[in-house]
Amino acid sequence: MDNPKASLTGLRILVVEDELLIAMDVEDMLIDLRCEPVGPASTIEAAIEIIRKDVKLDGVLLDMNLHGKSVLPIVEELVRKGIAFVLVTGYARRADDAAAMADAPRLSKPFSVPTLSEVLTSTFLNLN
């Protein structure tokens, strides 16, 4: 792709992150990539509410650990609605990850704008 920013322009990406400063940083990165950040949501309940109400989400950046709780309920809602997501984590894959999470694309913290761009492009634009 000649201009990754152009291809990402206008994508509505929900940011699910419980650390406010990280959420703000991710939102800034999304804006730099010409995406439209949605949220952020810092709890499982808030994320599910946005997912159920927002009719035009192109994807979700989902922190794997929200206040020490599993984000599996969010993943299940995303799968049910057919919304693509990327798991954002500072941890390695675990053998006991739920099936819906095991094969999901992952983004390791910390990450850069070019890395985010690459993951957004491969996950949210290459869907057929």
C-alpha atoms as a PDB file:
ATOM      1  CA  MET A   1       0.000   0.000   0.000  1.00  0.00           C
ATOM      2  CA  ASP A   2       1.325   3.396  -0.946  1.00  0.00           C
ATOM      3  CA  ASN A   3      -0.222   5.377   1.887  1.00  0.00           C
ATOM      4  CA  PRO A   4      -1.350   3.331   4.893  1.00  0.00           C
ATOM      5  CA  LYS A   5      -2.817   6.425   6.557  1.00  0.00           C
ATOM      6  CA  ALA A   6      -5.131   7.004   3.603  1.00  0.00           C
ATOM      7  CA  SER A   7      -6.410   3.432   3.743  1.00  0.00           C
ATOM      8  CA  LEU A   8      -7.144   3.711   7.475  1.00  0.00           C
ATOM      9  CA  THR A   9      -8.920   7.067   7.152  1.00  0.00           C
ATOM     10  CA  GLY A  10     -12.276   7.081   8.901  1.00  0.00           C
ATOM     11  CA  LEU A  11     -12.064   3.666  10.536  1.00  0.00           C
ATOM     12  CA  ARG A  12     -14.022   3.741  13.807  1.00  0.00           C
ATOM     13  CA  ILE A  13     -11.923   1.884  16.366  1.00  0.00           C
ATOM     14  CA  LEU A  14     -13.124   1.272  19.915  1.00  0.00           C
ATOM     15  CA  VAL A  15     -10.333   1.566  22.479  1.00  0.00           C
ATOM     16  CA  VAL A  16     -10.842  -0.706  25.495  1.00  0.00           C
ATOM     17  CA  GLU A  17      -8.134   0.086  28.053  1.00  0.00           C
ATOM     18  CA  ASP A  18      -8.253   0.544  31.826  1.00  0.00           C
ATOM     19  CA  GLU A  19      -5.145   2.746  32.083  1.00  0.00           C
ATOM     20  CA  LEU A  20      -6.203   6.286  31.168  1.00  0.00           C
ATOM     21  CA  LEU A  21      -2.784   7.472  29.994  1.00  0.00           C
ATOM     22  CA  ILE A  22      -2.365   4.442  27.745  1.00  0.00           C
ATOM     23  CA  ALA A  23      -5.881   4.926  26.365  1.00  0.00           C
ATOM     24  CA  MET A  24      -5.121   8.575  25.599  1.00  0.00           C
ATOM     25  CA  ASP A  25      -1.851   7.602  23.901  1.00  0.00           C
ATOM     26  CA  VAL A  26      -3.613   4.984  21.765  1.00  0.00           C
ATOM     27  CA  GLU A  27      -6.309   7.512  20.821  1.00  0.00           C
ATOM     28  CA  ASP A  28      -3.599   9.967  19.726  1.00  0.00           C
ATOM     29  CA  MET A  29      -1.990   7.251  17.604  1.00  0.00           C
ATOM     30  CA  LEU A  30      -5.338   6.435  15.991  1.00  0.00           C
ATOM     31  CA  ILE A  31      -5.917  10.104  15.212  1.00  0.00           C
ATOM     32  CA  ASP A  32      -2.429  10.294  13.693  1.00  0.00           C
ATOM     33  CA  LEU A  33      -3.460   7.381  11.451  1.00  0.00           C
ATOM     34  CA  ARG A  34      -6.662   9.275  10.539  1.00  0.00           C
ATOM     35  CA  CYS A  35      -8.894   6.789  12.340  1.00  0.00           C
ATOM     36  CA  GLU A  36     -11.800   7.826  14.526  1.00  0.00           C
ATOM     37  CA  PRO A  37     -11.272   6.612  18.095  1.00  0.00           C
ATOM     38  CA  VAL A  38     -14.388   5.483  19.964  1.00  0.00           C
ATOM     39  CA  GLY A  39     -14.471   5.376  23.759  1.00  0.00           C
ATOM     40  CA  PRO A  40     -12.313   4.675  25.551  1.00  0.00           C
ATOM     41  CA  ALA A  41     -14.040   2.053  27.631  1.00  0.00           C
ATOM     42  CA  SER A  42     -12.256   1.100  30.837  1.00  0.00           C
ATOM     43  CA  THR A  43     -14.544  -1.684  32.087  1.00  0.00           C
ATOM     44  CA  ILE A  44     -16.090  -4.819  30.640  1.00  0.00           C
ATOM     45  CA  GLU A  45     -19.572  -3.383  31.139  1.00  0.00           C
ATOM     46  CA  ALA A  46     -18.764  -0.072  29.421  1.00  0.00           C
ATOM     47  CA  ALA A  47     -17.179  -1.849  26.448  1.00  0.00           C
ATOM     48  CA  ILE A  48     -20.143  -4.182  25.981  1.00  0.00           C
ATOM     49  CA  GLU A  49     -22.555  -1.239  26.187  1.00  0.00           C
ATOM     50  CA  ILE A  50     -20.679   0.620  23.423  1.00  0.00           C
ATOM     51  CA  ILE A  51     -20.439  -2.515  21.262  1.00  0.00           C
ATOM     52  CA  ARG A  52     -24.175  -3.115  21.577  1.00  0.00           C
ATOM     53  CA  LYS A  53     -25.128   0.529  20.877  1.00  0.00           C
ATOM     54  CA  ASP A  54     -22.609   1.606  18.214  1.00  0.00           C
ATOM     55  CA  VAL A  55     -23.877   0.580  14.798  1.00  0.00           C
ATOM     56  CA  LYS A  56     -20.647   1.405  12.950  1.00  0.00           C
ATOM     57  CA  LEU A  57     -17.584  -0.027  14.669  1.00  0.00           C
ATOM     58  CA  ASP A  58     -14.873  -1.133  12.257  1.00  0.00           C
ATOM     59  CA  GLY A  59     -12.821  -2.802  14.953  1.00  0.00           C
ATOM     60  CA  VAL A  60     -11.712  -2.913  18.575  1.00  0.00           C
ATOM     61  CA  LEU A  61      -8.346  -2.599  20.300  1.00  0.00           C
ATOM     62  CA  LEU A  62      -8.947  -4.666  23.415  1.00  0.00           C
ATOM     63  CA  ASP A  63      -6.639  -4.701  26.427  1.00  0.00           C
ATOM     64  CA  MET A  64      -6.552  -8.302  27.634  1.00  0.00           C
ATOM     65  CA  ASN A  65      -6.637  -7.375  31.304  1.00  0.00           C
ATOM     66  CA  LEU A  66      -9.225  -4.898  32.578  1.00  0.00           C
ATOM     67  CA  HIS A  67      -8.823  -4.328  36.303  1.00  0.00           C
ATOM     68  CA  GLY A  68      -7.591  -7.915  36.693  1.00  0.00           C
ATOM     69  CA  LYS A  69     -10.643  -9.433  34.955  1.00  0.00           C
ATOM     70  CA  SER A  70     -10.823 -11.589  31.845  1.00  0.00           C
ATOM     71  CA  VAL A  71     -12.148  -9.789  28.777  1.00  0.00           C
ATOM     72  CA  LEU A  72     -13.782 -12.976  27.478  1.00  0.00           C
ATOM     73  CA  PRO A  73     -17.321 -11.495  27.828  1.00  0.00           C
ATOM     74  CA  ILE A  74     -16.263  -8.668  25.488  1.00  0.00           C
ATOM     75  CA  VAL A  75     -14.671 -11.113  23.041  1.00  0.00           C
ATOM     76  CA  GLU A  76     -17.859 -13.196  23.021  1.00  0.00           C
ATOM     77  CA  GLU A  77     -19.953 -10.093  22.244  1.00  0.00           C
ATOM     78  CA  LEU A  78     -17.568  -9.089  19.436  1.00  0.00           C
ATOM     79  CA  VAL A  79     -17.689 -12.569  17.927  1.00  0.00           C
ATOM     80  CA  ARG A  80     -21.498 -12.575  18.193  1.00  0.00           C
ATOM     81  CA  LYS A  81     -21.664  -9.242  16.330  1.00  0.00           C
ATOM     82  CA  GLY A  82     -18.954 -10.138  13.813  1.00  0.00           C
ATOM     83  CA  ILE A  83     -16.663  -7.261  14.816  1.00  0.00           C
ATOM     84  CA  ALA A  84     -12.928  -7.744  14.299  1.00  0.00           C
ATOM     85  CA  PHE A  85     -10.639  -7.109  17.261  1.00  0.00           C
ATOM     86  CA  VAL A  86      -7.000  -7.035  18.258  1.00  0.00           C
ATOM     87  CA  LEU A  87      -5.908  -8.113  21.721  1.00  0.00           C
ATOM     88  CA  VAL A  88      -3.479  -5.644  23.263  1.00  0.00           C
ATOM     89  CA  THR A  89      -1.256  -7.155  25.903  1.00  0.00           C
ATOM     90  CA  GLY A  90       2.018  -7.065  27.697  1.00  0.00           C
ATOM     91  CA  TYR A  91       1.902 -10.841  28.164  1.00  0.00           C
ATOM     92  CA  ALA A  92       2.690 -13.874  26.017  1.00  0.00           C
ATOM     93  CA  ARG A  93       0.026 -16.241  24.694  1.00  0.00           C
ATOM     94  CA  ARG A  94      -1.114 -18.761  27.235  1.00  0.00           C
ATOM     95  CA  ALA A  95      -2.194 -22.335  26.640  1.00  0.00           C
ATOM     96  CA  ASP A  96      -5.397 -21.704  28.604  1.00  0.00           C
ATOM     97  CA  ASP A  97      -6.539 -18.725  26.483  1.00  0.00           C
ATOM     98  CA  ALA A  98     -10.164 -19.190  25.458  1.00  0.00           C
ATOM     99  CA  ALA A  99     -10.626 -20.479  21.899  1.00  0.00           C
ATOM    100  CA  ALA A 100     -12.098 -17.159  20.740  1.00  0.00           C
ATOM    101  CA  MET A 101      -8.955 -15.414  21.987  1.00  0.00           C
ATOM    102  CA  ALA A 102      -6.286 -17.975  21.097  1.00  0.00           C
ATOM    103  CA  ASP A 103      -6.076 -17.143  17.395  1.00  0.00           C
ATOM    104  CA  ALA A 104      -6.896 -13.432  17.643  1.00  0.00           C
ATOM    105  CA  PRO A 105      -4.327 -10.954  16.362  1.00  0.00           C
ATOM    106  CA  ARG A 106      -2.213  -9.492  19.156  1.00  0.00           C
ATOM    107  CA  LEU A 107      -0.408  -6.254  19.672  1.00  0.00           C
ATOM    108  CA  SER A 108       2.300  -6.243  22.318  1.00  0.00           C
ATOM    109  CA  LYS A 109       2.689  -3.246  24.604  1.00  0.00           C
ATOM    110  CA  PRO A 110       4.406  -0.910  24.143  1.00  0.00           C
ATOM    111  CA  PHE A 111       3.919  -0.344  20.409  1.00  0.00           C
ATOM    112  CA  SER A 112       4.651   2.375  17.872  1.00  0.00           C
ATOM    113  CA  VAL A 113       2.432   4.119  15.321  1.00  0.00           C
ATOM    114  CA  PRO A 114       3.937   2.110  12.414  1.00  0.00           C
ATOM    115  CA  THR A 115       3.292  -1.163  14.267  1.00  0.00           C
ATOM    116  CA  LEU A 116      -0.266  -0.081  15.079  1.00  0.00           C
ATOM    117  CA  SER A 117      -0.805   0.896  11.442  1.00  0.00           C
ATOM    118  CA  GLU A 118       0.394  -2.499  10.257  1.00  0.00           C
ATOM    119  CA  VAL A 119      -1.881  -4.377  12.678  1.00  0.00           C
ATOM    120  CA  LEU A 120      -4.913  -2.203  11.883  1.00  0.00           C
ATOM    121  CA  THR A 121      -4.368  -2.670   8.170  1.00  0.00           C
ATOM    122  CA  SER A 122      -3.923  -6.436   8.338  1.00  0.00           C
ATOM    123  CA  THR A 123      -6.803  -6.974  10.776  1.00  0.00           C
ATOM    124  CA  PHE A 124      -9.468  -4.444   9.842  1.00  0.00           C
ATOM    125  CA  LEU A 125      -8.877  -3.858   6.118  1.00  0.00           C
ATOM    126  CA  ASN A 126      -8.032  -7.352   4.891  1.00  0.00           C
ATOM    127  CA  LEU A 127     -11.376  -8.883   5.864  1.00  0.00           C
ATOM    128  CA  ASN A 128     -13.238 -10.689   3.125  1.00  0.00           C
END
